[in-house]
């Protein structure tokens, strides 16, 4: 098995992004609250996540999250197609763990562009 990435991504609506910025934390989207953890995706999983779970939605944002910030609250679990996805248990997503964020955009190839810090 290859090494797991140190950064993952959370797709947020404009309202959810505003909450994260204003409050410094985000408890989770309705699906996160229902499942008991915050869903994250790796860079390789991000476009498929957006296409599957956010199709037709606009005004979305992507937050890059430092996975080293979470300790035992971060679990890698099998999901879609047997892939391992990062799931954050036991707490909100804190703004201090977000290393970059911005509006969701796509490259010429259709893939979701990753946010860049600075």
PDB file of N, CA and C in Angstrom:
ATOM      1  N   UNK A   1       0.836  -1.176   0.000  1.00  0.00           N
ATOM      2  CA  UNK A   1       0.000   0.000   0.000  1.00  0.00           C
ATOM      3  C   UNK A   1       0.882   1.241   0.000  1.00  0.00           C
ATOM      4  N   UNK A   2       0.521   2.203  -0.811  1.00  0.00           N
ATOM      5  CA  UNK A   2       1.319   3.420  -0.880  1.00  0.00           C
ATOM      6  C   UNK A   2       1.050   4.285   0.345  1.00  0.00           C
ATOM      7  N   UNK A   3       1.920   5.256   0.524  1.00  0.00           N
ATOM      8  CA  UNK A   3       1.747   6.155   1.666  1.00  0.00           C
ATOM      9  C   UNK A   3       0.479   6.979   1.513  1.00  0.00           C
ATOM     10  N   UNK A   4      -0.162   7.239   2.621  1.00  0.00           N
ATOM     11  CA  UNK A   4      -1.367   8.059   2.610  1.00  0.00           C
ATOM     12  C   UNK A   4      -0.976   9.535   2.525  1.00  0.00           C
ATOM     13  N   UNK A   5      -1.760  10.330   1.825  1.00  0.00           N
ATOM     14  CA  UNK A   5      -1.416  11.752   1.691  1.00  0.00           C
ATOM     15  C   UNK A   5      -1.546  12.503   3.011  1.00  0.00           C
ATOM     16  N   UNK A   6      -0.877  13.636   3.077  1.00  0.00           N
ATOM     17  CA  UNK A   6      -0.901  14.479   4.268  1.00  0.00           C
ATOM     18  C   UNK A   6      -1.918  15.607   4.171  1.00  0.00           C
ATOM     19  N   UNK A   7      -2.522  15.744   2.991  1.00  0.00           N
ATOM     20  CA  UNK A   7      -3.529  16.774   2.767  1.00  0.00           C
ATOM     21  C   UNK A   7      -4.775  16.123   2.188  1.00  0.00           C
ATOM     22  N   UNK A   8      -5.934  16.573   2.644  1.00  0.00           N
ATOM     23  CA  UNK A   8      -7.205  16.137   2.080  1.00  0.00           C
ATOM     24  C   UNK A   8      -8.043  17.382   1.829  1.00  0.00           C
ATOM     25  N   UNK A   9      -9.209  17.176   1.244  1.00  0.00           N
ATOM     26  CA  UNK A   9     -10.025  18.298   0.797  1.00  0.00           C
ATOM     27  C   UNK A   9     -11.464  18.133   1.248  1.00  0.00           C
ATOM     28  N   UNK A  10     -12.067  19.248   1.642  1.00  0.00           N
ATOM     29  CA  UNK A  10     -13.469  19.296   2.030  1.00  0.00           C
ATOM     30  C   UNK A  10     -14.176  20.248   1.082  1.00  0.00           C
ATOM     31  N   UNK A  11     -15.268  19.780   0.480  1.00  0.00           N
ATOM     32  CA  UNK A  11     -16.094  20.628  -0.379  1.00  0.00           C
ATOM     33  C   UNK A  11     -17.164  21.255   0.503  1.00  0.00           C
ATOM     34  N   UNK A  12     -17.299  22.567   0.386  1.00  0.00           N
ATOM     35  CA  UNK A  12     -18.226  23.330   1.218  1.00  0.00           C
ATOM     36  C   UNK A  12     -19.099  24.227   0.349  1.00  0.00           C
ATOM     37  N   UNK A  13     -20.343  24.409   0.772  1.00  0.00           N
ATOM     38  CA  UNK A  13     -21.180  25.418   0.136  1.00  0.00           C
ATOM     39  C   UNK A  13     -20.680  26.791   0.580  1.00  0.00           C
ATOM     40  N   UNK A  14     -21.141  27.837  -0.089  1.00  0.00           N
ATOM     41  CA  UNK A  14     -20.743  29.193   0.300  1.00  0.00           C
ATOM     42  C   UNK A  14     -21.130  29.479   1.745  1.00  0.00           C
ATOM     43  N   UNK A  15     -22.310  29.033   2.140  1.00  0.00           N
ATOM     44  CA  UNK A  15     -22.766  29.247   3.521  1.00  0.00           C
ATOM     45  C   UNK A  15     -21.880  28.507   4.522  1.00  0.00           C
ATOM     46  N   UNK A  16     -21.517  27.272   4.189  1.00  0.00           N
ATOM     47  CA  UNK A  16     -20.643  26.494   5.078  1.00  0.00           C
ATOM     48  C   UNK A  16     -19.249  27.117   5.161  1.00  0.00           C
ATOM     49  N   UNK A  17     -18.747  27.626   4.032  1.00  0.00           N
ATOM     50  CA  UNK A  17     -17.438  28.280   4.032  1.00  0.00           C
ATOM     51  C   UNK A  17     -17.489  29.538   4.885  1.00  0.00           C
ATOM     52  N   UNK A  18     -18.571  30.288   4.795  1.00  0.00           N
ATOM     53  CA  UNK A  18     -18.724  31.498   5.609  1.00  0.00           C
ATOM     54  C   UNK A  18     -18.750  31.149   7.090  1.00  0.00           C
ATOM     55  N   UNK A  19     -19.392  30.043   7.442  1.00  0.00           N
ATOM     56  CA  UNK A  19     -19.420  29.597   8.842  1.00  0.00           C
ATOM     57  C   UNK A  19     -18.018  29.250   9.319  1.00  0.00           C
ATOM     58  N   UNK A  20     -17.277  28.521   8.503  1.00  0.00           N
ATOM     59  CA  UNK A  20     -15.902  28.150   8.869  1.00  0.00           C
ATOM     60  C   UNK A  20     -15.046  29.396   9.074  1.00  0.00           C
ATOM     61  N   UNK A  21     -15.177  30.365   8.182  1.00  0.00           N
ATOM     62  CA  UNK A  21     -14.395  31.600   8.305  1.00  0.00           C
ATOM     63  C   UNK A  21     -14.816  32.420   9.529  1.00  0.00           C
ATOM     64  N   UNK A  22     -16.104  32.563   9.751  1.00  0.00           N
ATOM     65  CA  UNK A  22     -16.605  33.416  10.838  1.00  0.00           C
ATOM     66  C   UNK A  22     -16.406  32.791  12.213  1.00  0.00           C
ATOM     67  N   UNK A  23     -16.688  31.494  12.324  1.00  0.00           N
ATOM     68  CA  UNK A  23     -16.644  30.821  13.621  1.00  0.00           C
ATOM     69  C   UNK A  23     -15.300  30.159  13.912  1.00  0.00           C
ATOM     70  N   UNK A  24     -14.496  29.966  12.869  1.00  0.00           N
ATOM     71  CA  UNK A  24     -13.227  29.260  13.048  1.00  0.00           C
ATOM     72  C   UNK A  24     -13.401  27.760  13.122  1.00  0.00           C
ATOM     73  N   UNK A  25     -14.637  27.289  12.918  1.00  0.00           N
ATOM     74  CA  UNK A  25     -14.888  25.846  12.939  1.00  0.00           C
ATOM     75  C   UNK A  25     -16.149  25.537  12.140  1.00  0.00           C
ATOM     76  N   UNK A  26     -16.257  24.292  11.733  1.00  0.00           N
ATOM     77  CA  UNK A  26     -17.399  23.823  10.965  1.00  0.00           C
ATOM     78  C   UNK A  26     -17.767  22.441  11.477  1.00  0.00           C
ATOM     79  N   UNK A  27     -18.985  22.317  11.985  1.00  0.00           N
ATOM     80  CA  UNK A  27     -19.437  21.056  12.589  1.00  0.00           C
ATOM     81  C   UNK A  27     -19.698  19.962  11.567  1.00  0.00           C
ATOM     82  N   UNK A  28     -19.979  20.353  10.326  1.00  0.00           N
ATOM     83  CA  UNK A  28     -20.223  19.372   9.276  1.00  0.00           C
ATOM     84  C   UNK A  28     -21.481  19.665   8.497  1.00  0.00           C
ATOM     85  N   UNK A  29     -21.495  19.157   7.283  1.00  0.00           N
ATOM     86  CA  UNK A  29     -22.675  19.233   6.426  1.00  0.00           C
ATOM     87  C   UNK A  29     -23.712  18.241   6.951  1.00  0.00           C
ATOM     88  N   UNK A  30     -24.950  18.330   6.484  1.00  0.00           N
ATOM     89  CA  UNK A  30     -25.954  17.367   6.943  1.00  0.00           C
ATOM     90  C   UNK A  30     -25.519  15.898   6.815  1.00  0.00           C
ATOM     91  N   UNK A  31     -24.863  15.546   5.729  1.00  0.00           N
ATOM     92  CA  UNK A  31     -24.405  14.155   5.567  1.00  0.00           C
ATOM     93  C   UNK A  31     -23.330  13.804   6.598  1.00  0.00           C
ATOM     94  N   UNK A  32     -22.476  14.755   6.934  1.00  0.00           N
ATOM     95  CA  UNK A  32     -21.445  14.522   7.947  1.00  0.00           C
ATOM     96  C   UNK A  32     -22.094  14.269   9.304  1.00  0.00           C
ATOM     97  N   UNK A  33     -23.044  15.121   9.645  1.00  0.00           N
ATOM     98  CA  UNK A  33     -23.723  14.991  10.933  1.00  0.00           C
ATOM     99  C   UNK A  33     -24.477  13.665  11.011  1.00  0.00           C
ATOM    100  N   UNK A  34     -25.111  13.269   9.918  1.00  0.00           N
ATOM    101  CA  UNK A  34     -25.855  12.002   9.898  1.00  0.00           C
ATOM    102  C   UNK A  34     -24.930  10.802  10.031  1.00  0.00           C
ATOM    103  N   UNK A  35     -23.750  10.870   9.401  1.00  0.00           N
ATOM    104  CA  UNK A  35     -22.816   9.736   9.414  1.00  0.00           C
ATOM    105  C   UNK A  35     -21.908   9.719  10.640  1.00  0.00           C
ATOM    106  N   UNK A  36     -21.812  10.832  11.366  1.00  0.00           N
ATOM    107  CA  UNK A  36     -21.007  10.879  12.577  1.00  0.00           C
ATOM    108  C   UNK A  36     -19.549  11.223  12.357  1.00  0.00           C
ATOM    109  N   UNK A  37     -19.215  11.698  11.175  1.00  0.00           N
ATOM    110  CA  UNK A  37     -17.840  12.123  10.880  1.00  0.00           C
ATOM    111  C   UNK A  37     -17.872  13.086   9.701  1.00  0.00           C
ATOM    112  N   UNK A  38     -16.795  13.860   9.558  1.00  0.00           N
ATOM    113  CA  UNK A  38     -16.683  14.787   8.444  1.00  0.00           C
ATOM    114  C   UNK A  38     -15.994  14.071   7.290  1.00  0.00           C
ATOM    115  N   UNK A  39     -16.684  14.058   6.161  1.00  0.00           N
ATOM    116  CA  UNK A  39     -16.170  13.425   4.949  1.00  0.00           C
ATOM    117  C   UNK A  39     -15.101  14.302   4.306  1.00  0.00           C
ATOM    118  N   UNK A  40     -13.979  13.713   4.000  1.00  0.00           N
ATOM    119  CA  UNK A  40     -12.911  14.386   3.277  1.00  0.00           C
ATOM    120  C   UNK A  40     -12.547  13.526   2.069  1.00  0.00           C
ATOM    121  N   UNK A  41     -11.849  14.115   1.116  1.00  0.00           N
ATOM    122  CA  UNK A  41     -11.391  13.391  -0.070  1.00  0.00           C
ATOM    123  C   UNK A  41      -9.932  13.711  -0.319  1.00  0.00           C
ATOM    124  N   UNK A  42      -9.217  12.758  -0.895  1.00  0.00           N
ATOM    125  CA  UNK A  42      -7.850  13.031  -1.327  1.00  0.00           C
ATOM    126  C   UNK A  42      -7.910  13.821  -2.633  1.00  0.00           C
ATOM    127  N   UNK A  43      -6.778  14.324  -3.069  1.00  0.00           N
ATOM    128  CA  UNK A  43      -6.727  15.048  -4.338  1.00  0.00           C
ATOM    129  C   UNK A  43      -7.213  14.154  -5.477  1.00  0.00           C
ATOM    130  N   UNK A  44      -6.835  12.893  -5.453  1.00  0.00           N
ATOM    131  CA  UNK A  44      -7.225  11.963  -6.514  1.00  0.00           C
ATOM    132  C   UNK A  44      -8.723  11.655  -6.496  1.00  0.00           C
ATOM    133  N   UNK A  45      -9.376  11.808  -5.362  1.00  0.00           N
ATOM    134  CA  UNK A  45     -10.804  11.499  -5.207  1.00  0.00           C
ATOM    135  C   UNK A  45     -11.709  12.716  -5.375  1.00  0.00           C
ATOM    136  N   UNK A  46     -11.133  13.900  -5.345  1.00  0.00           N
ATOM    137  CA  UNK A  46     -11.912  15.132  -5.234  1.00  0.00           C
ATOM    138  C   UNK A  46     -12.883  15.349  -6.395  1.00  0.00           C
ATOM    139  N   UNK A  47     -12.434  15.227  -7.615  1.00  0.00           N
ATOM    140  CA  UNK A  47     -13.310  15.482  -8.766  1.00  0.00           C
ATOM    141  C   UNK A  47     -14.490  14.521  -8.768  1.00  0.00           C
ATOM    142  N   UNK A  48     -14.242  13.248  -8.503  1.00  0.00           N
ATOM    143  CA  UNK A  48     -15.335  12.279  -8.468  1.00  0.00           C
ATOM    144  C   UNK A  48     -16.311  12.598  -7.334  1.00  0.00           C
ATOM    145  N   UNK A  49     -15.799  13.028  -6.193  1.00  0.00           N
ATOM    146  CA  UNK A  49     -16.660  13.414  -5.074  1.00  0.00           C
ATOM    147  C   UNK A  49     -17.571  14.575  -5.483  1.00  0.00           C
ATOM    148  N   UNK A  50     -16.999  15.586  -6.104  1.00  0.00           N
ATOM    149  CA  UNK A  50     -17.797  16.742  -6.531  1.00  0.00           C
ATOM    150  C   UNK A  50     -18.833  16.309  -7.562  1.00  0.00           C
ATOM    151  N   UNK A  51     -18.419  15.511  -8.545  1.00  0.00           N
ATOM    152  CA  UNK A  51     -19.338  15.085  -9.598  1.00  0.00           C
ATOM    153  C   UNK A  51     -20.477  14.231  -9.051  1.00  0.00           C
ATOM    154  N   UNK A  52     -20.189  13.417  -8.063  1.00  0.00           N
ATOM    155  CA  UNK A  52     -21.204  12.507  -7.514  1.00  0.00           C
ATOM    156  C   UNK A  52     -22.118  13.183  -6.493  1.00  0.00           C
ATOM    157  N   UNK A  53     -21.545  13.961  -5.597  1.00  0.00           N
ATOM    158  CA  UNK A  53     -22.310  14.480  -4.459  1.00  0.00           C
ATOM    159  C   UNK A  53     -22.712  15.952  -4.569  1.00  0.00           C
ATOM    160  N   UNK A  54     -22.144  16.671  -5.529  1.00  0.00           N
ATOM    161  CA  UNK A  54     -22.437  18.103  -5.647  1.00  0.00           C
ATOM    162  C   UNK A  54     -22.865  18.486  -7.066  1.00  0.00           C
ATOM    163  N   UNK A  55     -23.273  17.516  -7.860  1.00  0.00           N
ATOM    164  CA  UNK A  55     -23.670  17.770  -9.251  1.00  0.00           C
ATOM    165  C   UNK A  55     -24.762  18.827  -9.308  1.00  0.00           C
ATOM    166  N   UNK A  56     -24.584  19.785 -10.208  1.00  0.00           N
ATOM    167  CA  UNK A  56     -25.590  20.819 -10.409  1.00  0.00           C
ATOM    168  C   UNK A  56     -25.546  21.959  -9.416  1.00  0.00           C
ATOM    169  N   UNK A  57     -24.704  21.855  -8.387  1.00  0.00           N
ATOM    170  CA  UNK A  57     -24.605  22.929  -7.398  1.00  0.00           C
ATOM    171  C   UNK A  57     -23.552  23.940  -7.840  1.00  0.00           C
ATOM    172  N   UNK A  58     -23.801  25.180  -7.504  1.00  0.00           N
ATOM    173  CA  UNK A  58     -22.826  26.230  -7.810  1.00  0.00           C
ATOM    174  C   UNK A  58     -22.400  26.890  -6.500  1.00  0.00           C
ATOM    175  N   UNK A  59     -21.473  27.809  -6.619  1.00  0.00           N
ATOM    176  CA  UNK A  59     -20.967  28.547  -5.462  1.00  0.00           C
ATOM    177  C   UNK A  59     -20.405  27.608  -4.394  1.00  0.00           C
ATOM    178  N   UNK A  60     -19.616  26.643  -4.852  1.00  0.00           N
ATOM    179  CA  UNK A  60     -18.942  25.715  -3.943  1.00  0.00           C
ATOM    180  C   UNK A  60     -17.518  26.176  -3.692  1.00  0.00           C
ATOM    181  N   UNK A  61     -16.970  25.715  -2.580  1.00  0.00           N
ATOM    182  CA  UNK A  61     -15.602  26.045  -2.193  1.00  0.00           C
ATOM    183  C   UNK A  61     -14.873  24.762  -1.821  1.00  0.00           C
ATOM    184  N   UNK A  62     -13.552  24.806  -1.937  1.00  0.00           N
ATOM    185  CA  UNK A  62     -12.724  23.667  -1.566  1.00  0.00           C
ATOM    186  C   UNK A  62     -11.719  24.132  -0.522  1.00  0.00           C
ATOM    187  N   UNK A  63     -11.649  23.387   0.579  1.00  0.00           N
ATOM    188  CA  UNK A  63     -10.676  23.664   1.640  1.00  0.00           C
ATOM    189  C   UNK A  63      -9.654  22.534   1.678  1.00  0.00           C
ATOM    190  N   UNK A  64      -8.376  22.889   1.623  1.00  0.00           N
ATOM    191  CA  UNK A  64      -7.289  21.925   1.778  1.00  0.00           C
ATOM    192  C   UNK A  64      -6.991  21.818   3.265  1.00  0.00           C
ATOM    193  N   UNK A  65      -6.969  20.592   3.766  1.00  0.00           N
ATOM    194  CA  UNK A  65      -6.874  20.347   5.202  1.00  0.00           C
ATOM    195  C   UNK A  65      -5.589  19.578   5.511  1.00  0.00           C
ATOM    196  N   UNK A  66      -4.865  20.040   6.524  1.00  0.00           N
ATOM    197  CA  UNK A  66      -3.646  19.369   6.994  1.00  0.00           C
ATOM    198  C   UNK A  66      -4.032  18.166   7.842  1.00  0.00           C
ATOM    199  N   UNK A  67      -3.866  16.977   7.291  1.00  0.00           N
ATOM    200  CA  UNK A  67      -4.286  15.771   8.004  1.00  0.00           C
ATOM    201  C   UNK A  67      -3.430  15.472   9.229  1.00  0.00           C
ATOM    202  N   UNK A  68      -2.242  16.031   9.307  1.00  0.00           N
ATOM    203  CA  UNK A  68      -1.383  15.822  10.461  1.00  0.00           C
ATOM    204  C   UNK A  68      -1.901  16.503  11.717  1.00  0.00           C
ATOM    205  N   UNK A  69      -2.921  17.325  11.574  1.00  0.00           N
ATOM    206  CA  UNK A  69      -3.485  18.070  12.694  1.00  0.00           C
ATOM    207  C   UNK A  69      -4.460  17.274  13.538  1.00  0.00           C
ATOM    208  N   UNK A  70      -4.887  16.103  13.071  1.00  0.00           N
ATOM    209  CA  UNK A  70      -6.038  15.452  13.681  1.00  0.00           C
ATOM    210  C   UNK A  70      -5.737  14.311  14.639  1.00  0.00           C
ATOM    211  N   UNK A  71      -4.579  13.712  14.579  1.00  0.00           N
ATOM    212  CA  UNK A  71      -4.275  12.600  15.481  1.00  0.00           C
ATOM    213  C   UNK A  71      -5.250  11.455  15.301  1.00  0.00           C
ATOM    214  N   UNK A  72      -5.671  10.836  16.408  1.00  0.00           N
ATOM    215  CA  UNK A  72      -6.514   9.640  16.315  1.00  0.00           C
ATOM    216  C   UNK A  72      -7.933   9.905  15.810  1.00  0.00           C
ATOM    217  N   UNK A  73      -8.340  11.165  15.700  1.00  0.00           N
ATOM    218  CA  UNK A  73      -9.661  11.478  15.170  1.00  0.00           C
ATOM    219  C   UNK A  73      -9.779  11.242  13.673  1.00  0.00           C
ATOM    220  N   UNK A  74      -8.635  11.100  12.999  1.00  0.00           N
ATOM    221  CA  UNK A  74      -8.638  10.850  11.559  1.00  0.00           C
ATOM    222  C   UNK A  74      -8.558   9.354  11.312  1.00  0.00           C
ATOM    223  N   UNK A  75      -9.513   8.852  10.565  1.00  0.00           N
ATOM    224  CA  UNK A  75      -9.526   7.434  10.228  1.00  0.00           C
ATOM    225  C   UNK A  75      -9.652   7.301   8.714  1.00  0.00           C
ATOM    226  N   UNK A  76      -8.889   6.359   8.158  1.00  0.00           N
ATOM    227  CA  UNK A  76      -8.978   6.030   6.738  1.00  0.00           C
ATOM    228  C   UNK A  76      -9.893   4.825   6.618  1.00  0.00           C
ATOM    229  N   UNK A  77     -10.997   5.000   5.906  1.00  0.00           N
ATOM    230  CA  UNK A  77     -11.991   3.935   5.823  1.00  0.00           C
ATOM    231  C   UNK A  77     -12.395   3.686   4.378  1.00  0.00           C
ATOM    232  N   UNK A  78     -12.685   2.417   4.100  1.00  0.00           N
ATOM    233  CA  UNK A  78     -13.111   2.031   2.758  1.00  0.00           C
ATOM    234  C   UNK A  78     -14.467   2.620   2.446  1.00  0.00           C
ATOM    235  N   UNK A  79     -14.582   3.133   1.239  1.00  0.00           N
ATOM    236  CA  UNK A  79     -15.858   3.665   0.778  1.00  0.00           C
ATOM    237  C   UNK A  79     -15.951   3.397  -0.713  1.00  0.00           C
ATOM    238  N   UNK A  80     -16.409   4.358  -1.441  1.00  0.00           N
ATOM    239  CA  UNK A  80     -16.684   4.247  -2.871  1.00  0.00           C
ATOM    240  C   UNK A  80     -15.631   3.429  -3.613  1.00  0.00           C
ATOM    241  N   UNK A  81     -16.060   2.316  -4.183  1.00  0.00           N
ATOM    242  CA  UNK A  81     -15.165   1.497  -4.993  1.00  0.00           C
ATOM    243  C   UNK A  81     -14.022   0.868  -4.226  1.00  0.00           C
ATOM    244  N   UNK A  82     -14.158   0.745  -2.917  1.00  0.00           N
ATOM    245  CA  UNK A  82     -13.099   0.145  -2.116  1.00  0.00           C
ATOM    246  C   UNK A  82     -11.949   1.091  -1.802  1.00  0.00           C
ATOM    247  N   UNK A  83     -12.058   2.341  -2.211  1.00  0.00           N
ATOM    248  CA  UNK A  83     -11.005   3.318  -1.940  1.00  0.00           C
ATOM    249  C   UNK A  83     -11.004   3.703  -0.461  1.00  0.00           C
ATOM    250  N   UNK A  84      -9.832   4.042   0.042  1.00  0.00           N
ATOM    251  CA  UNK A  84      -9.726   4.564   1.401  1.00  0.00           C
ATOM    252  C   UNK A  84      -9.957   6.070   1.376  1.00  0.00           C
ATOM    253  N   UNK A  85     -10.893   6.523   2.204  1.00  0.00           N
ATOM    254  CA  UNK A  85     -11.201   7.944   2.321  1.00  0.00           C
ATOM    255  C   UNK A  85     -10.872   8.409   3.736  1.00  0.00           C
ATOM    256  N   UNK A  86     -10.366   9.646   3.872  1.00  0.00           N
ATOM    257  CA  UNK A  86     -10.129  10.203   5.206  1.00  0.00           C
ATOM    258  C   UNK A  86     -11.434  10.700   5.815  1.00  0.00           C
ATOM    259  N   UNK A  87     -11.689  10.273   7.048  1.00  0.00           N
ATOM    260  CA  UNK A  87     -12.884  10.692   7.785  1.00  0.00           C
ATOM    261  C   UNK A  87     -12.444  11.284   9.113  1.00  0.00           C
ATOM    262  N   UNK A  88     -12.979  12.438   9.443  1.00  0.00           N
ATOM    263  CA  UNK A  88     -12.635  13.122  10.694  1.00  0.00           C
ATOM    264  C   UNK A  88     -13.740  12.888  11.714  1.00  0.00           C
ATOM    265  N   UNK A  89     -13.398  12.161  12.773  1.00  0.00           N
ATOM    266  CA  UNK A  89     -14.335  11.853  13.853  1.00  0.00           C
ATOM    267  C   UNK A  89     -14.071  12.763  15.044  1.00  0.00           C
ATOM    268  N   UNK A  90     -15.106  12.986  15.828  1.00  0.00           N
ATOM    269  CA  UNK A  90     -14.948  13.575  17.150  1.00  0.00           C
ATOM    270  C   UNK A  90     -14.691  15.050  17.211  1.00  0.00           C
ATOM    271  N   UNK A  91     -15.123  15.768  16.231  1.00  0.00           N
ATOM    272  CA  UNK A  91     -14.940  17.197  16.404  1.00  0.00           C
ATOM    273  C   UNK A  91     -15.149  17.964  15.136  1.00  0.00           C
ATOM    274  N   UNK A  92     -15.222  19.238  15.283  1.00  0.00           N
ATOM    275  CA  UNK A  92     -15.423  20.068  14.103  1.00  0.00           C
ATOM    276  C   UNK A  92     -14.138  20.172  13.284  1.00  0.00           C
ATOM    277  N   UNK A  93     -14.312  20.603  12.069  1.00  0.00           N
ATOM    278  CA  UNK A  93     -13.185  20.990  11.225  1.00  0.00           C
ATOM    279  C   UNK A  93     -12.799  22.404  11.644  1.00  0.00           C
ATOM    280  N   UNK A  94     -11.577  22.576  12.082  1.00  0.00           N
ATOM    281  CA  UNK A  94     -11.113  23.881  12.560  1.00  0.00           C
ATOM    282  C   UNK A  94     -10.413  24.647  11.449  1.00  0.00           C
ATOM    283  N   UNK A  95     -10.682  25.939  11.386  1.00  0.00           N
ATOM    284  CA  UNK A  95     -10.045  26.787  10.380  1.00  0.00           C
ATOM    285  C   UNK A  95      -8.523  26.717  10.494  1.00  0.00           C
ATOM    286  N   UNK A  96      -8.013  26.557  11.699  1.00  0.00           N
ATOM    287  CA  UNK A  96      -6.550  26.504  11.885  1.00  0.00           C
ATOM    288  C   UNK A  96      -5.919  25.279  11.223  1.00  0.00           C
ATOM    289  N   UNK A  97      -6.717  24.270  10.866  1.00  0.00           N
ATOM    290  CA  UNK A  97      -6.188  23.088  10.182  1.00  0.00           C
ATOM    291  C   UNK A  97      -6.276  23.218   8.665  1.00  0.00           C
ATOM    292  N   UNK A  98      -6.915  24.287   8.197  1.00  0.00           N
ATOM    293  CA  UNK A  98      -7.080  24.526   6.760  1.00  0.00           C
ATOM    294  C   UNK A  98      -5.865  25.300   6.262  1.00  0.00           C
ATOM    295  N   UNK A  99      -5.177  24.734   5.275  1.00  0.00           N
ATOM    296  CA  UNK A  99      -3.943  25.359   4.790  1.00  0.00           C
ATOM    297  C   UNK A  99      -4.153  26.197   3.532  1.00  0.00           C
ATOM    298  N   UNK A 100      -5.294  26.005   2.874  1.00  0.00           N
ATOM    299  CA  UNK A 100      -5.653  26.805   1.695  1.00  0.00           C
ATOM    300  C   UNK A 100      -7.130  26.577   1.416  1.00  0.00           C
ATOM    301  N   UNK A 101      -7.766  27.579   0.852  1.00  0.00           N
ATOM    302  CA  UNK A 101      -9.150  27.389   0.422  1.00  0.00           C
ATOM    303  C   UNK A 101      -9.501  28.425  -0.626  1.00  0.00           C
ATOM    304  N   UNK A 102     -10.543  28.129  -1.362  1.00  0.00           N
ATOM    305  CA  UNK A 102     -11.000  29.050  -2.384  1.00  0.00           C
ATOM    306  C   UNK A 102     -12.195  28.483  -3.123  1.00  0.00           C
ATOM    307  N   UNK A 103     -12.747  29.284  -4.028  1.00  0.00           N
ATOM    308  CA  UNK A 103     -13.892  28.823  -4.817  1.00  0.00           C
ATOM    309  C   UNK A 103     -13.516  27.594  -5.644  1.00  0.00           C
ATOM    310  N   UNK A 104     -14.473  26.707  -5.821  1.00  0.00           N
ATOM    311  CA  UNK A 104     -14.244  25.524  -6.631  1.00  0.00           C
ATOM    312  C   UNK A 104     -14.178  25.938  -8.093  1.00  0.00           C
ATOM    313  N   UNK A 105     -13.083  25.592  -8.726  1.00  0.00           N
ATOM    314  CA  UNK A 105     -12.899  25.819 -10.161  1.00  0.00           C
ATOM    315  C   UNK A 105     -12.399  24.525 -10.771  1.00  0.00           C
ATOM    316  N   UNK A 106     -12.482  24.452 -12.075  1.00  0.00           N
ATOM    317  CA  UNK A 106     -12.000  23.274 -12.796  1.00  0.00           C
ATOM    318  C   UNK A 106     -10.985  23.701 -13.846  1.00  0.00           C
ATOM    319  N   UNK A 107     -10.040  22.804 -14.085  1.00  0.00           N
ATOM    320  CA  UNK A 107      -9.066  23.022 -15.139  1.00  0.00           C
ATOM    321  C   UNK A 107      -9.657  22.670 -16.489  1.00  0.00           C
ATOM    322  N   UNK A 108      -8.893  22.882 -17.537  1.00  0.00           N
ATOM    323  CA  UNK A 108      -9.333  22.565 -18.900  1.00  0.00           C
ATOM    324  C   UNK A 108      -9.657  21.080 -19.068  1.00  0.00           C
ATOM    325  N   UNK A 109      -9.062  20.251 -18.226  1.00  0.00           N
ATOM    326  CA  UNK A 109      -9.318  18.800 -18.283  1.00  0.00           C
ATOM    327  C   UNK A 109     -10.572  18.394 -17.531  1.00  0.00           C
ATOM    328  N   UNK A 110     -11.246  19.358 -16.875  1.00  0.00           N
ATOM    329  CA  UNK A 110     -12.468  19.064 -16.133  1.00  0.00           C
ATOM    330  C   UNK A 110     -12.244  18.700 -14.682  1.00  0.00           C
ATOM    331  N   UNK A 111     -10.992  18.511 -14.306  1.00  0.00           N
ATOM    332  CA  UNK A 111     -10.706  18.167 -12.905  1.00  0.00           C
ATOM    333  C   UNK A 111     -10.820  19.389 -12.013  1.00  0.00           C
ATOM    334  N   UNK A 112     -11.265  19.138 -10.780  1.00  0.00           N
ATOM    335  CA  UNK A 112     -11.344  20.221  -9.804  1.00  0.00           C
ATOM    336  C   UNK A 112      -9.938  20.704  -9.484  1.00  0.00           C
ATOM    337  N   UNK A 113      -9.749  22.017  -9.552  1.00  0.00           N
ATOM    338  CA  UNK A 113      -8.454  22.611  -9.239  1.00  0.00           C
ATOM    339  C   UNK A 113      -8.269  22.667  -7.733  1.00  0.00           C
ATOM    340  N   UNK A 114      -7.090  22.332  -7.270  1.00  0.00           N
ATOM    341  CA  UNK A 114      -6.798  22.371  -5.847  1.00  0.00           C
ATOM    342  C   UNK A 114      -6.513  23.800  -5.414  1.00  0.00           C
ATOM    343  N   UNK A 115      -6.992  24.194  -4.235  1.00  0.00           N
ATOM    344  CA  UNK A 115      -6.725  25.568  -3.767  1.00  0.00           C
ATOM    345  C   UNK A 115      -5.237  25.750  -3.470  1.00  0.00           C
ATOM    346  N   UNK A 116      -4.777  26.970  -3.661  1.00  0.00           N
ATOM    347  CA  UNK A 116      -3.370  27.296  -3.438  1.00  0.00           C
ATOM    348  C   UNK A 116      -3.289  28.326  -2.330  1.00  0.00           C
ATOM    349  N   UNK A 117      -2.409  28.101  -1.360  1.00  0.00           N
ATOM    350  CA  UNK A 117      -2.226  29.049  -0.250  1.00  0.00           C
ATOM    351  C   UNK A 117      -1.437  30.252  -0.736  1.00  0.00           C
ATOM    352  N   UNK A 118      -1.694  31.388  -0.093  1.00  0.00           N
ATOM    353  CA  UNK A 118      -0.894  32.552  -0.306  1.00  0.00           C
ATOM    354  C   UNK A 118      -1.341  33.424  -1.387  1.00  0.00           C
TER     355      UNK A 118
END
